[in-house]
PDB file of N, CA and C in Angstrom:
ATOM      1  N   MET A   1      29.051 -29.506  24.463  1.00  0.00           N
ATOM      2  CA  MET A   1      28.641 -29.225  23.105  1.00  0.00           C
ATOM      3  C   MET A   1      28.609 -30.548  22.334  1.00  0.00           C
ATOM      4  N   THR A   2      27.523 -30.809  21.666  1.00  0.00           N
ATOM      5  CA  THR A   2      27.395 -32.049  20.907  1.00  0.00           C
ATOM      6  C   THR A   2      28.091 -31.921  19.556  1.00  0.00           C
ATOM      7  N   ALA A   3      28.282 -33.056  18.912  1.00  0.00           N
ATOM      8  CA  ALA A   3      28.919 -33.061  17.592  1.00  0.00           C
ATOM      9  C   ALA A   3      28.105 -32.236  16.594  1.00  0.00           C
ATOM     10  N   TRP A   4      26.783 -32.306  16.704  1.00  0.00           N
ATOM     11  CA  TRP A   4      25.945 -31.551  15.759  1.00  0.00           C
ATOM     12  C   TRP A   4      26.046 -30.055  16.004  1.00  0.00           C
ATOM     13  N   GLN A   5      26.194 -29.655  17.264  1.00  0.00           N
ATOM     14  CA  GLN A   5      26.365 -28.227  17.547  1.00  0.00           C
ATOM     15  C   GLN A   5      27.688 -27.716  16.985  1.00  0.00           C
ATOM     16  N   VAL A   6      28.728 -28.544  17.093  1.00  0.00           N
ATOM     17  CA  VAL A   6      30.014 -28.159  16.515  1.00  0.00           C
ATOM     18  C   VAL A   6      29.882 -28.008  15.009  1.00  0.00           C
ATOM     19  N   CYS A   7      29.239 -28.980  14.369  1.00  0.00           N
ATOM     20  CA  CYS A   7      29.076 -28.925  12.912  1.00  0.00           C
ATOM     21  C   CYS A   7      28.290 -27.693  12.484  1.00  0.00           C
ATOM     22  N   ALA A   8      27.311 -27.323  13.255  1.00  0.00           N
ATOM     23  CA  ALA A   8      26.474 -26.178  12.889  1.00  0.00           C
ATOM     24  C   ALA A   8      27.214 -24.854  13.065  1.00  0.00           C
ATOM     25  N   ARG A   9      28.250 -24.842  13.890  1.00  0.00           N
ATOM     26  CA  ARG A   9      28.923 -23.581  14.207  1.00  0.00           C
ATOM     27  C   ARG A   9      30.316 -23.435  13.584  1.00  0.00           C
ATOM     28  N   VAL A  10      30.888 -24.517  13.086  1.00  0.00           N
ATOM     29  CA  VAL A  10      32.245 -24.464  12.558  1.00  0.00           C
ATOM     30  C   VAL A  10      32.199 -24.159  11.070  1.00  0.00           C
ATOM     31  N   THR A  11      32.910 -23.120  10.684  1.00  0.00           N
ATOM     32  CA  THR A  11      32.997 -22.767   9.269  1.00  0.00           C
ATOM     33  C   THR A  11      34.433 -22.431   8.925  1.00  0.00           C
ATOM     34  N   VAL A  12      34.748 -22.534   7.658  1.00  0.00           N
ATOM     35  CA  VAL A  12      36.053 -22.116   7.169  1.00  0.00           C
ATOM     36  C   VAL A  12      35.810 -20.844   6.364  1.00  0.00           C
ATOM     37  N   PRO A  13      36.059 -19.701   6.984  1.00  0.00           N
ATOM     38  CA  PRO A  13      35.744 -18.448   6.295  1.00  0.00           C
ATOM     39  C   PRO A  13      36.674 -18.199   5.117  1.00  0.00           C
ATOM     40  N   LEU A  14      36.111 -17.602   4.113  1.00  0.00           N
ATOM     41  CA  LEU A  14      36.872 -17.226   2.933  1.00  0.00           C
ATOM     42  C   LEU A  14      38.022 -16.305   3.308  1.00  0.00           C
ATOM     43  N   ALA A  15      37.800 -15.432   4.249  1.00  0.00           N
ATOM     44  CA  ALA A  15      38.841 -14.488   4.663  1.00  0.00           C
ATOM     45  C   ALA A  15      40.091 -15.202   5.163  1.00  0.00           C
ATOM     46  N   SER A  16      39.928 -16.320   5.839  1.00  0.00           N
ATOM     47  CA  SER A  16      41.100 -17.023   6.349  1.00  0.00           C
ATOM     48  C   SER A  16      41.947 -17.585   5.216  1.00  0.00           C
ATOM     49  N   VAL A  17      41.305 -17.993   4.144  1.00  0.00           N
ATOM     50  CA  VAL A  17      42.044 -18.481   2.973  1.00  0.00           C
ATOM     51  C   VAL A  17      42.768 -17.318   2.306  1.00  0.00           C
ATOM     52  N   MET A  18      42.054 -16.215   2.140  1.00  0.00           N
ATOM     53  CA  MET A  18      42.639 -15.068   1.461  1.00  0.00           C
ATOM     54  C   MET A  18      43.777 -14.451   2.267  1.00  0.00           C
ATOM     55  N   LEU A  19      43.677 -14.484   3.583  1.00  0.00           N
ATOM     56  CA  LEU A  19      44.690 -13.854   4.417  1.00  0.00           C
ATOM     57  C   LEU A  19      45.783 -14.816   4.870  1.00  0.00           C
ATOM     58  N   ALA A  20      45.757 -16.034   4.370  1.00  0.00           N
ATOM     59  CA  ALA A  20      46.831 -16.977   4.691  1.00  0.00           C
ATOM     60  C   ALA A  20      48.163 -16.469   4.142  1.00  0.00           C
ATOM     61  N   ASP A  21      48.093 -15.729   3.045  1.00  0.00           N
ATOM     62  CA  ASP A  21      49.276 -15.101   2.459  1.00  0.00           C
ATOM     63  C   ASP A  21      48.958 -13.613   2.311  1.00  0.00           C
ATOM     64  N   THR A  22      49.249 -12.850   3.353  1.00  0.00           N
ATOM     65  CA  THR A  22      48.852 -11.434   3.361  1.00  0.00           C
ATOM     66  C   THR A  22      49.554 -10.627   2.283  1.00  0.00           C
ATOM     67  N   ARG A  23      50.781 -10.972   1.957  1.00  0.00           N
ATOM     68  CA  ARG A  23      51.476 -10.234   0.888  1.00  0.00           C
ATOM     69  C   ARG A  23      50.731 -10.373  -0.438  1.00  0.00           C
ATOM     70  N   ARG A  24      50.342 -11.585  -0.746  1.00  0.00           N
ATOM     71  CA  ARG A  24      49.607 -11.828  -1.995  1.00  0.00           C
ATOM     72  C   ARG A  24      48.255 -11.105  -1.981  1.00  0.00           C
ATOM     73  N   TYR A  25      47.569 -11.165  -0.848  1.00  0.00           N
ATOM     74  CA  TYR A  25      46.276 -10.490  -0.715  1.00  0.00           C
ATOM     75  C   TYR A  25      46.418  -8.996  -0.985  1.00  0.00           C
ATOM     76  N   PHE A  26      47.390  -8.359  -0.331  1.00  0.00           N
ATOM     77  CA  PHE A  26      47.550  -6.919  -0.505  1.00  0.00           C
ATOM     78  C   PHE A  26      48.079  -6.560  -1.897  1.00  0.00           C
ATOM     79  N   ASP A  27      48.872  -7.432  -2.509  1.00  0.00           N
ATOM     80  CA  ASP A  27      49.289  -7.200  -3.900  1.00  0.00           C
ATOM     81  C   ASP A  27      48.074  -7.147  -4.816  1.00  0.00           C
ATOM     82  N   HIS A  28      47.167  -8.104  -4.657  1.00  0.00           N
ATOM     83  CA  HIS A  28      45.950  -8.123  -5.480  1.00  0.00           C
ATOM     84  C   HIS A  28      45.072  -6.912  -5.184  1.00  0.00           C
ATOM     85  N   LEU A  29      44.947  -6.580  -3.925  1.00  0.00           N
ATOM     86  CA  LEU A  29      44.127  -5.437  -3.538  1.00  0.00           C
ATOM     87  C   LEU A  29      44.704  -4.133  -4.092  1.00  0.00           C
ATOM     88  N   THR A  30      46.015  -3.996  -4.054  1.00  0.00           N
ATOM     89  CA  THR A  30      46.678  -2.800  -4.589  1.00  0.00           C
ATOM     90  C   THR A  30      46.461  -2.673  -6.095  1.00  0.00           C
ATOM     91  N   ARG A  31      46.524  -3.784  -6.814  1.00  0.00           N
ATOM     92  CA  ARG A  31      46.292  -3.747  -8.268  1.00  0.00           C
ATOM     93  C   ARG A  31      44.814  -3.551  -8.603  1.00  0.00           C
ATOM     94  N   TYR A  32      43.930  -3.985  -7.693  1.00  0.00           N
ATOM     95  CA  TYR A  32      42.488  -3.822  -7.914  1.00  0.00           C
ATOM     96  C   TYR A  32      42.074  -2.351  -7.852  1.00  0.00           C
ATOM     97  N   GLN A  33      42.640  -1.626  -6.918  1.00  0.00           N
ATOM     98  CA  GLN A  33      42.232  -0.228  -6.704  1.00  0.00           C
ATOM     99  C   GLN A  33      42.356   0.631  -7.957  1.00  0.00           C
ATOM    100  N   PRO A  34      43.427   0.528  -8.765  1.00  0.00           N
ATOM    101  CA  PRO A  34      43.485   1.341  -9.977  1.00  0.00           C
ATOM    102  C   PRO A  34      42.735   0.735 -11.170  1.00  0.00           C
ATOM    103  N   GLY A  35      42.155  -0.458 -10.984  1.00  0.00           N
ATOM    104  CA  GLY A  35      41.311  -0.977 -12.051  1.00  0.00           C
ATOM    105  C   GLY A  35      41.561  -2.389 -12.512  1.00  0.00           C
ATOM    106  N   ASP A  36      42.501  -3.125 -11.921  1.00  0.00           N
ATOM    107  CA  ASP A  36      42.733  -4.514 -12.325  1.00  0.00           C
ATOM    108  C   ASP A  36      41.705  -5.413 -11.652  1.00  0.00           C
ATOM    109  N   THR A  37      40.476  -5.331 -12.122  1.00  0.00           N
ATOM    110  CA  THR A  37      39.403  -6.122 -11.517  1.00  0.00           C
ATOM    111  C   THR A  37      39.528  -7.602 -11.858  1.00  0.00           C
ATOM    112  N   TYR A  38      40.007  -7.920 -13.060  1.00  0.00           N
ATOM    113  CA  TYR A  38      40.105  -9.318 -13.480  1.00  0.00           C
ATOM    114  C   TYR A  38      40.996 -10.114 -12.520  1.00  0.00           C
ATOM    115  N   GLY A  39      42.170  -9.583 -12.199  1.00  0.00           N
ATOM    116  CA  GLY A  39      43.096 -10.297 -11.317  1.00  0.00           C
ATOM    117  C   GLY A  39      42.515 -10.517  -9.937  1.00  0.00           C
ATOM    118  N   PHE A  40      41.830  -9.510  -9.419  1.00  0.00           N
ATOM    119  CA  PHE A  40      41.257  -9.632  -8.079  1.00  0.00           C
ATOM    120  C   PHE A  40      40.087 -10.609  -8.060  1.00  0.00           C
ATOM    121  N   VAL A  41      39.246 -10.547  -9.081  1.00  0.00           N
ATOM    122  CA  VAL A  41      38.108 -11.476  -9.151  1.00  0.00           C
ATOM    123  C   VAL A  41      38.611 -12.911  -9.284  1.00  0.00           C
ATOM    124  N   GLU A  42      39.654 -13.108 -10.081  1.00  0.00           N
ATOM    125  CA  GLU A  42      40.226 -14.452 -10.211  1.00  0.00           C
ATOM    126  C   GLU A  42      40.786 -14.934  -8.867  1.00  0.00           C
ATOM    127  N   TYR A  43      41.458 -14.037  -8.155  1.00  0.00           N
ATOM    128  CA  TYR A  43      42.007 -14.366  -6.841  1.00  0.00           C
ATOM    129  C   TYR A  43      40.897 -14.767  -5.866  1.00  0.00           C
ATOM    130  N   VAL A  44      39.816 -14.001  -5.842  1.00  0.00           N
ATOM    131  CA  VAL A  44      38.692 -14.324  -4.961  1.00  0.00           C
ATOM    132  C   VAL A  44      38.060 -15.659  -5.364  1.00  0.00           C
ATOM    133  N   ALA A  45      37.899 -15.875  -6.670  1.00  0.00           N
ATOM    134  CA  ALA A  45      37.293 -17.126  -7.147  1.00  0.00           C
ATOM    135  C   ALA A  45      38.137 -18.332  -6.742  1.00  0.00           C
ATOM    136  N   ARG A  46      39.436 -18.219  -6.901  1.00  0.00           N
ATOM    137  CA  ARG A  46      40.311 -19.330  -6.504  1.00  0.00           C
ATOM    138  C   ARG A  46      40.277 -19.547  -4.993  1.00  0.00           C
ATOM    139  N   SER A  47      40.172 -18.473  -4.248  1.00  0.00           N
ATOM    140  CA  SER A  47      40.074 -18.580  -2.788  1.00  0.00           C
ATOM    141  C   SER A  47      38.782 -19.272  -2.374  1.00  0.00           C
ATOM    142  N   VAL A  48      37.708 -19.008  -3.098  1.00  0.00           N
ATOM    143  CA  VAL A  48      36.426 -19.669  -2.820  1.00  0.00           C
ATOM    144  C   VAL A  48      36.553 -21.173  -3.039  1.00  0.00           C
ATOM    145  N   ILE A  49      37.250 -21.557  -4.100  1.00  0.00           N
ATOM    146  CA  ILE A  49      37.438 -22.985  -4.373  1.00  0.00           C
ATOM    147  C   ILE A  49      38.218 -23.648  -3.242  1.00  0.00           C
ATOM    148  N   VAL A  50      39.310 -23.024  -2.829  1.00  0.00           N
ATOM    149  CA  VAL A  50      40.122 -23.585  -1.731  1.00  0.00           C
ATOM    150  C   VAL A  50      39.300 -23.677  -0.456  1.00  0.00           C
ATOM    151  N   SER A  51      38.544 -22.620  -0.155  1.00  0.00           N
ATOM    152  CA  SER A  51      37.704 -22.612   1.037  1.00  0.00           C
ATOM    153  C   SER A  51      36.652 -23.712   0.979  1.00  0.00           C
ATOM    154  N   SER A  52      36.025 -23.880  -0.172  1.00  0.00           N
ATOM    155  CA  SER A  52      35.000 -24.917  -0.333  1.00  0.00           C
ATOM    156  C   SER A  52      35.582 -26.311  -0.144  1.00  0.00           C
ATOM    157  N   GLU A  53      36.775 -26.528  -0.683  1.00  0.00           N
ATOM    158  CA  GLU A  53      37.416 -27.829  -0.514  1.00  0.00           C
ATOM    159  C   GLU A  53      37.747 -28.077   0.958  1.00  0.00           C
ATOM    160  N   ALA A  54      38.182 -27.032   1.657  1.00  0.00           N
ATOM    161  CA  ALA A  54      38.492 -27.175   3.077  1.00  0.00           C
ATOM    162  C   ALA A  54      37.232 -27.500   3.878  1.00  0.00           C
ATOM    163  N   VAL A  55      36.121 -26.894   3.521  1.00  0.00           N
ATOM    164  CA  VAL A  55      34.848 -27.180   4.196  1.00  0.00           C
ATOM    165  C   VAL A  55      34.459 -28.633   3.979  1.00  0.00           C
ATOM    166  N   GLN A  56      34.618 -29.117   2.748  1.00  0.00           N
ATOM    167  CA  GLN A  56      34.294 -30.514   2.465  1.00  0.00           C
ATOM    168  C   GLN A  56      35.186 -31.452   3.273  1.00  0.00           C
ATOM    169  N   ASP A  57      36.476 -31.137   3.343  1.00  0.00           N
ATOM    170  CA  ASP A  57      37.401 -31.959   4.130  1.00  0.00           C
ATOM    171  C   ASP A  57      37.006 -31.962   5.610  1.00  0.00           C
ATOM    172  N   SER A  58      36.680 -30.797   6.132  1.00  0.00           N
ATOM    173  CA  SER A  58      36.271 -30.692   7.538  1.00  0.00           C
ATOM    174  C   SER A  58      34.998 -31.483   7.800  1.00  0.00           C
ATOM    175  N   ALA A  59      34.055 -31.387   6.901  1.00  0.00           N
ATOM    176  CA  ALA A  59      32.799 -32.125   7.060  1.00  0.00           C
ATOM    177  C   ALA A  59      33.054 -33.625   7.064  1.00  0.00           C
ATOM    178  N   HIS A  60      33.949 -34.069   6.204  1.00  0.00           N
ATOM    179  CA  HIS A  60      34.274 -35.497   6.146  1.00  0.00           C
ATOM    180  C   HIS A  60      34.913 -35.956   7.458  1.00  0.00           C
ATOM    181  N   VAL A  61      35.856 -35.178   7.975  1.00  0.00           N
ATOM    182  CA  VAL A  61      36.526 -35.529   9.231  1.00  0.00           C
ATOM    183  C   VAL A  61      35.514 -35.569  10.373  1.00  0.00           C
ATOM    184  N   LEU A  62      34.658 -34.573  10.452  1.00  0.00           N
ATOM    185  CA  LEU A  62      33.655 -34.547  11.522  1.00  0.00           C
ATOM    186  C   LEU A  62      32.687 -35.730  11.418  1.00  0.00           C
ATOM    187  N   ARG A  63      32.333 -36.089  10.194  1.00  0.00           N
ATOM    188  CA  ARG A  63      31.441 -37.232   9.993  1.00  0.00           C
ATOM    189  C   ARG A  63      32.132 -38.511  10.473  1.00  0.00           C
ATOM    190  N   CYS A  64      33.405 -38.651  10.174  1.00  0.00           N
ATOM    191  CA  CYS A  64      34.149 -39.838  10.611  1.00  0.00           C
ATOM    192  C   CYS A  64      34.259 -39.902  12.123  1.00  0.00           C
ATOM    193  N   VAL A  65      34.489 -38.755  12.753  1.00  0.00           N
ATOM    194  CA  VAL A  65      34.581 -38.702  14.219  1.00  0.00           C
ATOM    195  C   VAL A  65      33.255 -39.100  14.831  1.00  0.00           C
ATOM    196  N   ARG A  66      32.177 -38.631  14.253  1.00  0.00           N
ATOM    197  CA  ARG A  66      30.843 -38.936  14.800  1.00  0.00           C
ATOM    198  C   ARG A  66      30.551 -40.429  14.740  1.00  0.00           C
ATOM    199  N   TYR A  67      30.907 -41.070  13.631  1.00  0.00           N
ATOM    200  CA  TYR A  67      30.577 -42.485  13.479  1.00  0.00           C
ATOM    201  C   TYR A  67      31.598 -43.415  14.122  1.00  0.00           C
ATOM    202  N   ARG A  68      32.717 -42.871  14.571  1.00  0.00           N
ATOM    203  CA  ARG A  68      33.743 -43.697  15.198  1.00  0.00           C
ATOM    204  C   ARG A  68      33.338 -44.100  16.606  1.00  0.00           C
ATOM    205  N   ARG A  69      32.423 -43.386  17.206  1.00  0.00           N
ATOM    206  CA  ARG A  69      32.028 -43.657  18.591  1.00  0.00           C
ATOM    207  C   ARG A  69      31.335 -44.971  18.738  1.00  0.00           C
TER     208      ARG A  69
END
């Protein structure tokens, strides 16, 4: 597998960020069900930010590995 194939296939899914702390995830989900949409939307939004930052970090590392050869 080439470096470009790895880059094209490697992703940091949002679910992995959200499920890194399952207690927190289920707390938000439990409060969402009766109507606390604001808390859950904020939780998802913050998870998207963390996931996006992780993707940027991964892309930077992969770029460095590619040019180190």
